[in-house]
Amino acid sequence: MAKSGKIYKIKIADTAADFIRKQAKKNQRQIMNKISSLAENPHSKGDAIKSKPEFFKIRSGNFRIAYTVKKRQVLVLVVRVGHRKDFYRYFER
Protein backbone atom coordinates (compact mmCIF):
# COMPACT_ATOMS: atom_id res chain seq x y z
CA MET A 1 0.00 0.00 0.00
CA ALA A 2 1.39 3.38 -0.97
CA LYS A 3 1.66 6.00 1.73
CA SER A 4 0.42 9.48 0.99
CA GLY A 5 2.86 11.01 3.44
CA LYS A 6 0.14 13.08 5.09
CA ILE A 7 -0.49 12.87 8.77
CA TYR A 8 -4.06 13.81 9.53
CA LYS A 9 -4.90 15.91 12.55
CA ILE A 10 -7.48 14.28 14.81
CA LYS A 11 -10.31 16.16 16.45
CA ILE A 12 -12.79 14.49 18.79
CA ALA A 13 -16.31 15.88 19.15
CA ASP A 14 -17.45 16.76 22.68
CA THR A 15 -20.03 13.95 22.84
CA ALA A 16 -17.42 11.37 21.80
CA ALA A 17 -14.90 12.76 24.31
CA ASP A 18 -17.51 12.60 27.09
CA PHE A 19 -18.25 8.96 26.30
CA ILE A 20 -14.54 8.08 26.35
CA ARG A 21 -14.02 9.86 29.69
CA LYS A 22 -16.77 7.77 31.30
CA GLN A 23 -15.09 4.47 30.39
CA ALA A 24 -12.64 2.45 32.47
CA LYS A 25 -8.98 3.42 31.97
CA LYS A 26 -8.29 0.20 30.04
CA ASN A 27 -11.10 0.96 27.59
CA GLN A 28 -10.01 4.61 27.31
CA ARG A 29 -6.52 3.51 26.24
CA GLN A 30 -7.93 0.97 23.81
CA ILE A 31 -10.22 3.51 22.14
CA MET A 32 -7.61 6.28 22.03
CA ASN A 33 -5.02 3.93 20.48
CA LYS A 34 -7.50 3.05 17.75
CA ILE A 35 -8.34 6.71 17.14
CA SER A 36 -4.63 7.58 16.97
CA SER A 37 -4.12 4.94 14.30
CA LEU A 38 -6.42 6.95 11.99
CA ALA A 39 -3.86 9.75 11.62
CA GLU A 40 -1.76 7.96 9.00
CA ASN A 41 -4.38 6.64 6.61
CA PRO A 42 -8.01 7.02 7.71
CA HIS A 43 -9.46 5.76 4.43
CA SER A 44 -7.96 2.29 4.62
CA LYS A 45 -8.96 1.71 8.26
CA GLY A 46 -12.74 2.00 8.30
CA ASP A 47 -15.85 0.95 6.45
CA ALA A 48 -18.60 3.33 5.38
CA ILE A 49 -21.72 3.41 7.53
CA LYS A 50 -24.55 2.24 5.25
CA SER A 51 -27.16 4.78 6.35
CA LYS A 52 -24.66 7.68 6.32
CA PRO A 53 -21.97 7.05 3.67
CA GLU A 54 -20.07 10.23 4.56
CA PHE A 55 -19.14 8.58 7.88
CA PHE A 56 -16.77 5.69 8.45
CA LYS A 57 -16.63 3.26 11.36
CA ILE A 58 -13.93 1.19 13.01
CA ARG A 59 -14.08 -1.40 15.75
CA SER A 60 -12.26 -1.23 19.04
CA GLY A 61 -13.30 -4.29 21.04
CA ASN A 62 -16.98 -3.86 21.97
CA PHE A 63 -16.88 -0.21 20.97
CA ARG A 64 -17.42 1.48 17.63
CA ILE A 65 -15.89 4.75 16.50
CA ALA A 66 -17.54 6.88 13.81
CA TYR A 67 -15.53 9.50 11.97
CA THR A 68 -15.46 11.61 8.86
CA VAL A 69 -12.46 12.76 6.87
CA LYS A 70 -11.96 16.38 5.81
CA LYS A 71 -9.39 16.09 3.02
CA ARG A 72 -8.81 19.80 2.45
CA GLN A 73 -8.17 20.41 6.14
CA VAL A 74 -6.20 17.14 6.52
CA LEU A 75 -8.47 16.36 9.46
CA VAL A 76 -10.17 13.30 10.92
CA LEU A 77 -13.22 14.29 12.94
CA VAL A 78 -14.40 11.63 15.40
CA VAL A 79 -18.11 12.29 15.74
CA ARG A 80 -19.33 9.35 17.81
CA VAL A 81 -17.99 6.62 20.06
CA GLY A 82 -20.30 4.05 21.58
CA HIS A 83 -20.90 0.50 22.65
CA ARG A 84 -21.75 -1.78 19.75
CA LYS A 85 -25.21 -2.63 21.15
CA ASP A 86 -26.57 0.91 20.68
CA PHE A 87 -24.00 2.64 18.46
CA TYR A 88 -26.01 2.40 15.22
CA ARG A 89 -29.18 3.96 16.67
CA TYR A 90 -27.55 7.35 16.26
CA PHE A 91 -27.23 6.82 12.50
CA GLU A 92 -30.80 5.62 11.82
CA ARG A 93 -32.16 9.16 11.58
PDB file of N, CA and C in Angstrom:
ATOM      1  N   MET A   1       0.846  -1.175   0.000  1.00  0.00           N
ATOM      2  CA  MET A   1       0.000   0.000   0.000  1.00  0.00           C
ATOM      3  C   MET A   1       0.893   1.240   0.000  1.00  0.00           C
ATOM      4  N   ALA A   2       0.605   2.155  -0.876  1.00  0.00           N
ATOM      5  CA  ALA A   2       1.393   3.384  -0.973  1.00  0.00           C
ATOM      6  C   ALA A   2       0.979   4.358   0.116  1.00  0.00           C
ATOM      7  N   LYS A   3       1.944   4.993   0.710  1.00  0.00           N
ATOM      8  CA  LYS A   3       1.656   6.002   1.731  1.00  0.00           C
ATOM      9  C   LYS A   3       1.555   7.366   1.078  1.00  0.00           C
ATOM     10  N   SER A   4       0.594   8.139   1.543  1.00  0.00           N
ATOM     11  CA  SER A   4       0.419   9.476   0.988  1.00  0.00           C
ATOM     12  C   SER A   4       1.392  10.470   1.615  1.00  0.00           C
ATOM     13  N   GLY A   5       1.942  10.126   2.760  1.00  0.00           N
ATOM     14  CA  GLY A   5       2.865  11.014   3.438  1.00  0.00           C
ATOM     15  C   GLY A   5       2.187  12.029   4.333  1.00  0.00           C
ATOM     16  N   LYS A   6       0.872  12.127   4.255  1.00  0.00           N
ATOM     17  CA  LYS A   6       0.135  13.076   5.086  1.00  0.00           C
ATOM     18  C   LYS A   6      -0.161  12.450   6.445  1.00  0.00           C
ATOM     19  N   ILE A   7      -0.041  13.257   7.440  1.00  0.00           N
ATOM     20  CA  ILE A   7      -0.487  12.865   8.772  1.00  0.00           C
ATOM     21  C   ILE A   7      -1.704  13.734   9.075  1.00  0.00           C
ATOM     22  N   TYR A   8      -2.826  13.090   9.266  1.00  0.00           N
ATOM     23  CA  TYR A   8      -4.065  13.807   9.534  1.00  0.00           C
ATOM     24  C   TYR A   8      -4.118  14.241  10.991  1.00  0.00           C
ATOM     25  N   LYS A   9      -4.640  15.426  11.199  1.00  0.00           N
ATOM     26  CA  LYS A   9      -4.898  15.910  12.549  1.00  0.00           C
ATOM     27  C   LYS A   9      -6.197  15.243  13.013  1.00  0.00           C
ATOM     28  N   ILE A  10      -6.280  14.926  14.279  1.00  0.00           N
ATOM     29  CA  ILE A  10      -7.478  14.276  14.807  1.00  0.00           C
ATOM     30  C   ILE A  10      -8.181  15.213  15.769  1.00  0.00           C
ATOM     31  N   LYS A  11      -9.478  15.357  15.548  1.00  0.00           N
ATOM     32  CA  LYS A  11     -10.307  16.165  16.445  1.00  0.00           C
ATOM     33  C   LYS A  11     -11.451  15.274  16.914  1.00  0.00           C
ATOM     34  N   ILE A  12     -11.739  15.323  18.212  1.00  0.00           N
ATOM     35  CA  ILE A  12     -12.786  14.491  18.792  1.00  0.00           C
ATOM     36  C   ILE A  12     -13.927  15.397  19.259  1.00  0.00           C
ATOM     37  N   ALA A  13     -15.131  15.103  18.770  1.00  0.00           N
ATOM     38  CA  ALA A  13     -16.311  15.881  19.155  1.00  0.00           C
ATOM     39  C   ALA A  13     -16.554  15.736  20.652  1.00  0.00           C
ATOM     40  N   ASP A  14     -17.202  16.744  21.233  1.00  0.00           N
ATOM     41  CA  ASP A  14     -17.451  16.757  22.679  1.00  0.00           C
ATOM     42  C   ASP A  14     -18.219  15.530  23.162  1.00  0.00           C
ATOM     43  N   THR A  15     -19.239  15.112  22.411  1.00  0.00           N
ATOM     44  CA  THR A  15     -20.025  13.951  22.839  1.00  0.00           C
ATOM     45  C   THR A  15     -19.184  12.681  22.842  1.00  0.00           C
ATOM     46  N   ALA A  16     -18.312  12.538  21.856  1.00  0.00           N
ATOM     47  CA  ALA A  16     -17.424  11.371  21.801  1.00  0.00           C
ATOM     48  C   ALA A  16     -16.419  11.419  22.950  1.00  0.00           C
ATOM     49  N   ALA A  17     -15.871  12.599  23.218  1.00  0.00           N
ATOM     50  CA  ALA A  17     -14.898  12.756  24.309  1.00  0.00           C
ATOM     51  C   ALA A  17     -15.546  12.455  25.656  1.00  0.00           C
ATOM     52  N   ASP A  18     -16.783  12.887  25.842  1.00  0.00           N
ATOM     53  CA  ASP A  18     -17.506  12.605  27.091  1.00  0.00           C
ATOM     54  C   ASP A  18     -17.694  11.110  27.282  1.00  0.00           C
ATOM     55  N   PHE A  19     -18.060  10.409  26.213  1.00  0.00           N
ATOM     56  CA  PHE A  19     -18.248   8.964  26.300  1.00  0.00           C
ATOM     57  C   PHE A  19     -16.931   8.280  26.683  1.00  0.00           C
ATOM     58  N   ILE A  20     -15.842   8.684  26.066  1.00  0.00           N
ATOM     59  CA  ILE A  20     -14.539   8.077  26.349  1.00  0.00           C
ATOM     60  C   ILE A  20     -14.149   8.309  27.805  1.00  0.00           C
ATOM     61  N   ARG A  21     -14.365   9.525  28.300  1.00  0.00           N
ATOM     62  CA  ARG A  21     -14.017   9.856  29.687  1.00  0.00           C
ATOM     63  C   ARG A  21     -14.743   8.984  30.705  1.00  0.00           C
ATOM     64  N   LYS A  22     -15.951   8.554  30.378  1.00  0.00           N
ATOM     65  CA  LYS A  22     -16.766   7.766  31.304  1.00  0.00           C
ATOM     66  C   LYS A  22     -16.361   6.294  31.354  1.00  0.00           C
ATOM     67  N   GLN A  23     -15.490   5.880  30.455  1.00  0.00           N
ATOM     68  CA  GLN A  23     -15.094   4.474  30.394  1.00  0.00           C
ATOM     69  C   GLN A  23     -13.963   4.170  31.371  1.00  0.00           C
ATOM     70  N   ALA A  24     -13.768   2.885  31.640  1.00  0.00           N
ATOM     71  CA  ALA A  24     -12.643   2.445  32.472  1.00  0.00           C
ATOM     72  C   ALA A  24     -11.336   2.805  31.766  1.00  0.00           C
ATOM     73  N   LYS A  25     -10.282   2.997  32.531  1.00  0.00           N
ATOM     74  CA  LYS A  25      -8.979   3.415  31.972  1.00  0.00           C
ATOM     75  C   LYS A  25      -8.514   2.478  30.860  1.00  0.00           C
ATOM     76  N   LYS A  26      -8.701   1.176  31.052  1.00  0.00           N
ATOM     77  CA  LYS A  26      -8.291   0.198  30.037  1.00  0.00           C
ATOM     78  C   LYS A  26      -9.012   0.459  28.715  1.00  0.00           C
ATOM     79  N   ASN A  27     -10.323   0.689  28.791  1.00  0.00           N
ATOM     80  CA  ASN A  27     -11.099   0.964  27.585  1.00  0.00           C
ATOM     81  C   ASN A  27     -10.741   2.317  26.977  1.00  0.00           C
ATOM     82  N   GLN A  28     -10.439   3.299  27.817  1.00  0.00           N
ATOM     83  CA  GLN A  28     -10.008   4.607  27.307  1.00  0.00           C
ATOM     84  C   GLN A  28      -8.753   4.459  26.463  1.00  0.00           C
ATOM     85  N   ARG A  29      -7.772   3.729  26.984  1.00  0.00           N
ATOM     86  CA  ARG A  29      -6.518   3.513  26.242  1.00  0.00           C
ATOM     87  C   ARG A  29      -6.777   2.787  24.933  1.00  0.00           C
ATOM     88  N   GLN A  30      -7.604   1.760  24.990  1.00  0.00           N
ATOM     89  CA  GLN A  30      -7.927   0.967  23.806  1.00  0.00           C
ATOM     90  C   GLN A  30      -8.547   1.841  22.719  1.00  0.00           C
ATOM     91  N   ILE A  31      -9.529   2.643  23.098  1.00  0.00           N
ATOM     92  CA  ILE A  31     -10.225   3.510  22.142  1.00  0.00           C
ATOM     93  C   ILE A  31      -9.285   4.580  21.596  1.00  0.00           C
ATOM     94  N   MET A  32      -8.511   5.214  22.473  1.00  0.00           N
ATOM     95  CA  MET A  32      -7.611   6.282  22.026  1.00  0.00           C
ATOM     96  C   MET A  32      -6.505   5.744  21.119  1.00  0.00           C
ATOM     97  N   ASN A  33      -6.018   4.537  21.368  1.00  0.00           N
ATOM     98  CA  ASN A  33      -5.021   3.932  20.480  1.00  0.00           C
ATOM     99  C   ASN A  33      -5.602   3.714  19.090  1.00  0.00           C
ATOM    100  N   LYS A  34      -6.842   3.277  19.040  1.00  0.00           N
ATOM    101  CA  LYS A  34      -7.501   3.045  17.752  1.00  0.00           C
ATOM    102  C   LYS A  34      -7.719   4.371  17.017  1.00  0.00           C
ATOM    103  N   ILE A  35      -8.140   5.396  17.749  1.00  0.00           N
ATOM    104  CA  ILE A  35      -8.337   6.713  17.141  1.00  0.00           C
ATOM    105  C   ILE A  35      -7.011   7.265  16.619  1.00  0.00           C
ATOM    106  N   SER A  36      -5.949   7.098  17.389  1.00  0.00           N
ATOM    107  CA  SER A  36      -4.628   7.582  16.972  1.00  0.00           C
ATOM    108  C   SER A  36      -4.155   6.914  15.691  1.00  0.00           C
ATOM    109  N   SER A  37      -4.543   5.668  15.497  1.00  0.00           N
ATOM    110  CA  SER A  37      -4.124   4.944  14.295  1.00  0.00           C
ATOM    111  C   SER A  37      -4.741   5.532  13.024  1.00  0.00           C
ATOM    112  N   LEU A  38      -5.773   6.343  13.152  1.00  0.00           N
ATOM    113  CA  LEU A  38      -6.421   6.954  11.990  1.00  0.00           C
ATOM    114  C   LEU A  38      -5.585   8.075  11.373  1.00  0.00           C
ATOM    115  N   ALA A  39      -4.629   8.595  12.091  1.00  0.00           N
ATOM    116  CA  ALA A  39      -3.862   9.755  11.625  1.00  0.00           C
ATOM    117  C   ALA A  39      -3.077   9.468  10.347  1.00  0.00           C
ATOM    118  N   GLU A  40      -2.588   8.266  10.176  1.00  0.00           N
ATOM    119  CA  GLU A  40      -1.760   7.963   8.999  1.00  0.00           C
ATOM    120  C   GLU A  40      -2.561   7.736   7.731  1.00  0.00           C
ATOM    121  N   ASN A  41      -3.591   6.921   7.810  1.00  0.00           N
ATOM    122  CA  ASN A  41      -4.378   6.639   6.614  1.00  0.00           C
ATOM    123  C   ASN A  41      -5.809   6.288   7.001  1.00  0.00           C
ATOM    124  N   PRO A  42      -6.651   7.283   7.220  1.00  0.00           N
ATOM    125  CA  PRO A  42      -8.010   7.025   7.709  1.00  0.00           C
ATOM    126  C   PRO A  42      -8.903   6.292   6.712  1.00  0.00           C
ATOM    127  N   HIS A  43      -8.596   6.377   5.434  1.00  0.00           N
ATOM    128  CA  HIS A  43      -9.459   5.756   4.431  1.00  0.00           C
ATOM    129  C   HIS A  43      -9.328   4.243   4.404  1.00  0.00           C
ATOM    130  N   SER A  44      -8.154   3.734   4.699  1.00  0.00           N
ATOM    131  CA  SER A  44      -7.957   2.291   4.624  1.00  0.00           C
ATOM    132  C   SER A  44      -8.387   1.580   5.895  1.00  0.00           C
ATOM    133  N   LYS A  45      -8.638   2.307   6.966  1.00  0.00           N
ATOM    134  CA  LYS A  45      -8.959   1.706   8.256  1.00  0.00           C
ATOM    135  C   LYS A  45     -10.424   1.329   8.398  1.00  0.00           C
ATOM    136  N   GLY A  46     -11.334   2.203   7.986  1.00  0.00           N
ATOM    137  CA  GLY A  46     -12.741   2.004   8.298  1.00  0.00           C
ATOM    138  C   GLY A  46     -13.612   1.664   7.120  1.00  0.00           C
ATOM    139  N   ASP A  47     -14.822   1.238   7.440  1.00  0.00           N
ATOM    140  CA  ASP A  47     -15.848   0.948   6.447  1.00  0.00           C
ATOM    141  C   ASP A  47     -16.906   2.041   6.521  1.00  0.00           C
ATOM    142  N   ALA A  48     -17.539   2.314   5.399  1.00  0.00           N
ATOM    143  CA  ALA A  48     -18.595   3.328   5.383  1.00  0.00           C
ATOM    144  C   ALA A  48     -19.804   2.830   6.168  1.00  0.00           C
ATOM    145  N   ILE A  49     -20.479   3.741   6.835  1.00  0.00           N
ATOM    146  CA  ILE A  49     -21.723   3.408   7.531  1.00  0.00           C
ATOM    147  C   ILE A  49     -22.834   3.457   6.483  1.00  0.00           C
ATOM    148  N   LYS A  50     -23.574   2.378   6.349  1.00  0.00           N
ATOM    149  CA  LYS A  50     -24.547   2.239   5.251  1.00  0.00           C
ATOM    150  C   LYS A  50     -25.574   3.359   5.196  1.00  0.00           C
ATOM    151  N   SER A  51     -26.115   3.757   6.351  1.00  0.00           N
ATOM    152  CA  SER A  51     -27.162   4.783   6.346  1.00  0.00           C
ATOM    153  C   SER A  51     -26.603   6.198   6.185  1.00  0.00           C
ATOM    154  N   LYS A  52     -25.317   6.368   6.443  1.00  0.00           N
ATOM    155  CA  LYS A  52     -24.660   7.681   6.321  1.00  0.00           C
ATOM    156  C   LYS A  52     -23.288   7.477   5.668  1.00  0.00           C
ATOM    157  N   PRO A  53     -23.231   7.392   4.341  1.00  0.00           N
ATOM    158  CA  PRO A  53     -21.969   7.046   3.670  1.00  0.00           C
ATOM    159  C   PRO A  53     -20.839   8.061   3.832  1.00  0.00           C
ATOM    160  N   GLU A  54     -21.131   9.252   4.334  1.00  0.00           N
ATOM    161  CA  GLU A  54     -20.065  10.232   4.560  1.00  0.00           C
ATOM    162  C   GLU A  54     -19.285   9.918   5.841  1.00  0.00           C
ATOM    163  N   PHE A  55     -19.802   8.980   6.638  1.00  0.00           N
ATOM    164  CA  PHE A  55     -19.140   8.579   7.880  1.00  0.00           C
ATOM    165  C   PHE A  55     -18.539   7.189   7.736  1.00  0.00           C
ATOM    166  N   PHE A  56     -17.427   6.987   8.408  1.00  0.00           N
ATOM    167  CA  PHE A  56     -16.769   5.689   8.451  1.00  0.00           C
ATOM    168  C   PHE A  56     -16.819   5.167   9.879  1.00  0.00           C
ATOM    169  N   LYS A  57     -16.642   3.859  10.031  1.00  0.00           N
ATOM    170  CA  LYS A  57     -16.630   3.259  11.358  1.00  0.00           C
ATOM    171  C   LYS A  57     -15.455   2.296  11.480  1.00  0.00           C
ATOM    172  N   ILE A  58     -14.932   2.203  12.699  1.00  0.00           N
ATOM    173  CA  ILE A  58     -13.935   1.192  13.011  1.00  0.00           C
ATOM    174  C   ILE A  58     -14.303   0.550  14.338  1.00  0.00           C
ATOM    175  N   ARG A  59     -13.825  -0.661  14.518  1.00  0.00           N
ATOM    176  CA  ARG A  59     -14.076  -1.405  15.747  1.00  0.00           C
ATOM    177  C   ARG A  59     -12.915  -1.235  16.707  1.00  0.00           C
ATOM    178  N   SER A  60     -13.264  -1.208  17.974  1.00  0.00           N
ATOM    179  CA  SER A  60     -12.264  -1.233  19.037  1.00  0.00           C
ATOM    180  C   SER A  60     -12.863  -2.078  20.162  1.00  0.00           C
ATOM    181  N   GLY A  61     -12.676  -3.391  20.079  1.00  0.00           N
ATOM    182  CA  GLY A  61     -13.297  -4.295  21.040  1.00  0.00           C
ATOM    183  C   GLY A  61     -14.803  -4.230  20.899  1.00  0.00           C
ATOM    184  N   ASN A  62     -15.516  -3.974  21.994  1.00  0.00           N
ATOM    185  CA  ASN A  62     -16.975  -3.861  21.968  1.00  0.00           C
ATOM    186  C   ASN A  62     -17.448  -2.459  21.615  1.00  0.00           C
ATOM    187  N   PHE A  63     -16.533  -1.590  21.274  1.00  0.00           N
ATOM    188  CA  PHE A  63     -16.878  -0.206  20.966  1.00  0.00           C
ATOM    189  C   PHE A  63     -16.750   0.050  19.477  1.00  0.00           C
ATOM    190  N   ARG A  64     -17.491   1.040  19.016  1.00  0.00           N
ATOM    191  CA  ARG A  64     -17.418   1.479  17.629  1.00  0.00           C
ATOM    192  C   ARG A  64     -17.094   2.965  17.627  1.00  0.00           C
ATOM    193  N   ILE A  65     -16.320   3.362  16.625  1.00  0.00           N
ATOM    194  CA  ILE A  65     -15.889   4.748  16.496  1.00  0.00           C
ATOM    195  C   ILE A  65     -16.319   5.233  15.116  1.00  0.00           C
ATOM    196  N   ALA A  66     -17.094   6.302  15.073  1.00  0.00           N
ATOM    197  CA  ALA A  66     -17.540   6.880  13.806  1.00  0.00           C
ATOM    198  C   ALA A  66     -16.754   8.161  13.557  1.00  0.00           C
ATOM    199  N   TYR A  67     -16.324   8.319  12.314  1.00  0.00           N
ATOM    200  CA  TYR A  67     -15.532   9.500  11.972  1.00  0.00           C
ATOM    201  C   TYR A  67     -15.779   9.895  10.529  1.00  0.00           C
ATOM    202  N   THR A  68     -15.416  11.116  10.223  1.00  0.00           N
ATOM    203  CA  THR A  68     -15.460  11.612   8.862  1.00  0.00           C
ATOM    204  C   THR A  68     -14.100  12.227   8.558  1.00  0.00           C
ATOM    205  N   VAL A  69     -13.769  12.267   7.286  1.00  0.00           N
ATOM    206  CA  VAL A  69     -12.456  12.765   6.869  1.00  0.00           C
ATOM    207  C   VAL A  69     -12.641  14.056   6.086  1.00  0.00           C
ATOM    208  N   LYS A  70     -11.950  15.092   6.510  1.00  0.00           N
ATOM    209  CA  LYS A  70     -11.956  16.380   5.815  1.00  0.00           C
ATOM    210  C   LYS A  70     -10.625  16.492   5.074  1.00  0.00           C
ATOM    211  N   LYS A  71     -10.634  16.154   3.789  1.00  0.00           N
ATOM    212  CA  LYS A  71      -9.387  16.085   3.020  1.00  0.00           C
ATOM    213  C   LYS A  71      -8.685  17.436   2.908  1.00  0.00           C
ATOM    214  N   ARG A  72      -9.432  18.473   2.633  1.00  0.00           N
ATOM    215  CA  ARG A  72      -8.813  19.797   2.453  1.00  0.00           C
ATOM    216  C   ARG A  72      -8.137  20.300   3.719  1.00  0.00           C
ATOM    217  N   GLN A  73      -8.712  19.955   4.863  1.00  0.00           N
ATOM    218  CA  GLN A  73      -8.170  20.407   6.145  1.00  0.00           C
ATOM    219  C   GLN A  73      -7.192  19.388   6.725  1.00  0.00           C
ATOM    220  N   VAL A  74      -7.032  18.258   6.044  1.00  0.00           N
ATOM    221  CA  VAL A  74      -6.200  17.144   6.523  1.00  0.00           C
ATOM    222  C   VAL A  74      -6.597  16.832   7.973  1.00  0.00           C
ATOM    223  N   LEU A  75      -7.883  16.520   8.142  1.00  0.00           N
ATOM    224  CA  LEU A  75      -8.473  16.364   9.464  1.00  0.00           C
ATOM    225  C   LEU A  75      -9.353  15.125   9.518  1.00  0.00           C
ATOM    226  N   VAL A  76      -9.246  14.385  10.611  1.00  0.00           N
ATOM    227  CA  VAL A  76     -10.167  13.297  10.917  1.00  0.00           C
ATOM    228  C   VAL A  76     -11.004  13.774  12.084  1.00  0.00           C
ATOM    229  N   LEU A  77     -12.314  13.833  11.891  1.00  0.00           N
ATOM    230  CA  LEU A  77     -13.221  14.287  12.939  1.00  0.00           C
ATOM    231  C   LEU A  77     -13.983  13.079  13.485  1.00  0.00           C
ATOM    232  N   VAL A  78     -13.702  12.732  14.730  1.00  0.00           N
ATOM    233  CA  VAL A  78     -14.396  11.630  15.400  1.00  0.00           C
ATOM    234  C   VAL A  78     -15.701  12.197  15.935  1.00  0.00           C
ATOM    235  N   VAL A  79     -16.816  11.714  15.397  1.00  0.00           N
ATOM    236  CA  VAL A  79     -18.110  12.289  15.744  1.00  0.00           C
ATOM    237  C   VAL A  79     -18.862  11.489  16.796  1.00  0.00           C
ATOM    238  N   ARG A  80     -18.567  10.191  16.893  1.00  0.00           N
ATOM    239  CA  ARG A  80     -19.325   9.349  17.814  1.00  0.00           C
ATOM    240  C   ARG A  80     -18.491   8.158  18.253  1.00  0.00           C
ATOM    241  N   VAL A  81     -18.572   7.838  19.525  1.00  0.00           N
ATOM    242  CA  VAL A  81     -17.988   6.619  20.065  1.00  0.00           C
ATOM    243  C   VAL A  81     -19.076   5.993  20.924  1.00  0.00           C
ATOM    244  N   GLY A  82     -19.270   4.693  20.783  1.00  0.00           N
ATOM    245  CA  GLY A  82     -20.305   4.052  21.576  1.00  0.00           C
ATOM    246  C   GLY A  82     -20.135   2.558  21.641  1.00  0.00           C
ATOM    247  N   HIS A  83     -20.891   1.952  22.535  1.00  0.00           N
ATOM    248  CA  HIS A  83     -20.898   0.500  22.653  1.00  0.00           C
ATOM    249  C   HIS A  83     -21.623  -0.073  21.439  1.00  0.00           C
ATOM    250  N   ARG A  84     -21.201  -1.204  20.983  1.00  0.00           N
ATOM    251  CA  ARG A  84     -21.752  -1.779  19.753  1.00  0.00           C
ATOM    252  C   ARG A  84     -23.249  -2.049  19.829  1.00  0.00           C
ATOM    253  N   LYS A  85     -23.783  -2.288  21.031  1.00  0.00           N
ATOM    254  CA  LYS A  85     -25.206  -2.627  21.150  1.00  0.00           C
ATOM    255  C   LYS A  85     -26.127  -1.455  20.786  1.00  0.00           C
ATOM    256  N   ASP A  86     -25.687  -0.223  20.999  1.00  0.00           N
ATOM    257  CA  ASP A  86     -26.570   0.908  20.677  1.00  0.00           C
ATOM    258  C   ASP A  86     -25.901   1.969  19.809  1.00  0.00           C
ATOM    259  N   PHE A  87     -24.758   1.686  19.278  1.00  0.00           N
ATOM    260  CA  PHE A  87     -24.005   2.640  18.459  1.00  0.00           C
ATOM    261  C   PHE A  87     -24.775   3.063  17.205  1.00  0.00           C
ATOM    262  N   TYR A  88     -25.392   2.119  16.525  1.00  0.00           N
ATOM    263  CA  TYR A  88     -26.009   2.399  15.216  1.00  0.00           C
ATOM    264  C   TYR A  88     -27.336   3.146  15.320  1.00  0.00           C
ATOM    265  N   ARG A  89     -27.931   3.201  16.486  1.00  0.00           N
ATOM    266  CA  ARG A  89     -29.180   3.964  16.667  1.00  0.00           C
ATOM    267  C   ARG A  89     -29.003   5.428  16.283  1.00  0.00           C
ATOM    268  N   TYR A  90     -27.840   5.948  16.568  1.00  0.00           N
ATOM    269  CA  TYR A  90     -27.551   7.351  16.262  1.00  0.00           C
ATOM    270  C   TYR A  90     -27.627   7.618  14.761  1.00  0.00           C
ATOM    271  N   PHE A  91     -27.316   6.623  13.946  1.00  0.00           N
ATOM    272  CA  PHE A  91     -27.231   6.825  12.504  1.00  0.00           C
ATOM    273  C   PHE A  91     -28.507   6.427  11.760  1.00  0.00           C
ATOM    274  N   GLU A  92     -29.544   6.024  12.472  1.00  0.00           N
ATOM    275  CA  GLU A  92     -30.796   5.615  11.821  1.00  0.00           C
ATOM    276  C   GLU A  92     -31.678   6.785  11.445  1.00  0.00           C
ATOM    277  N   ARG A  93     -31.317   7.974  11.842  1.00  0.00           N
ATOM    278  CA  ARG A  93     -32.164   9.156  11.583  1.00  0.00           C
ATOM    279  C   ARG A  93     -32.223   9.507  10.130  1.00  0.00           C
TER     280      ARG A  93
END
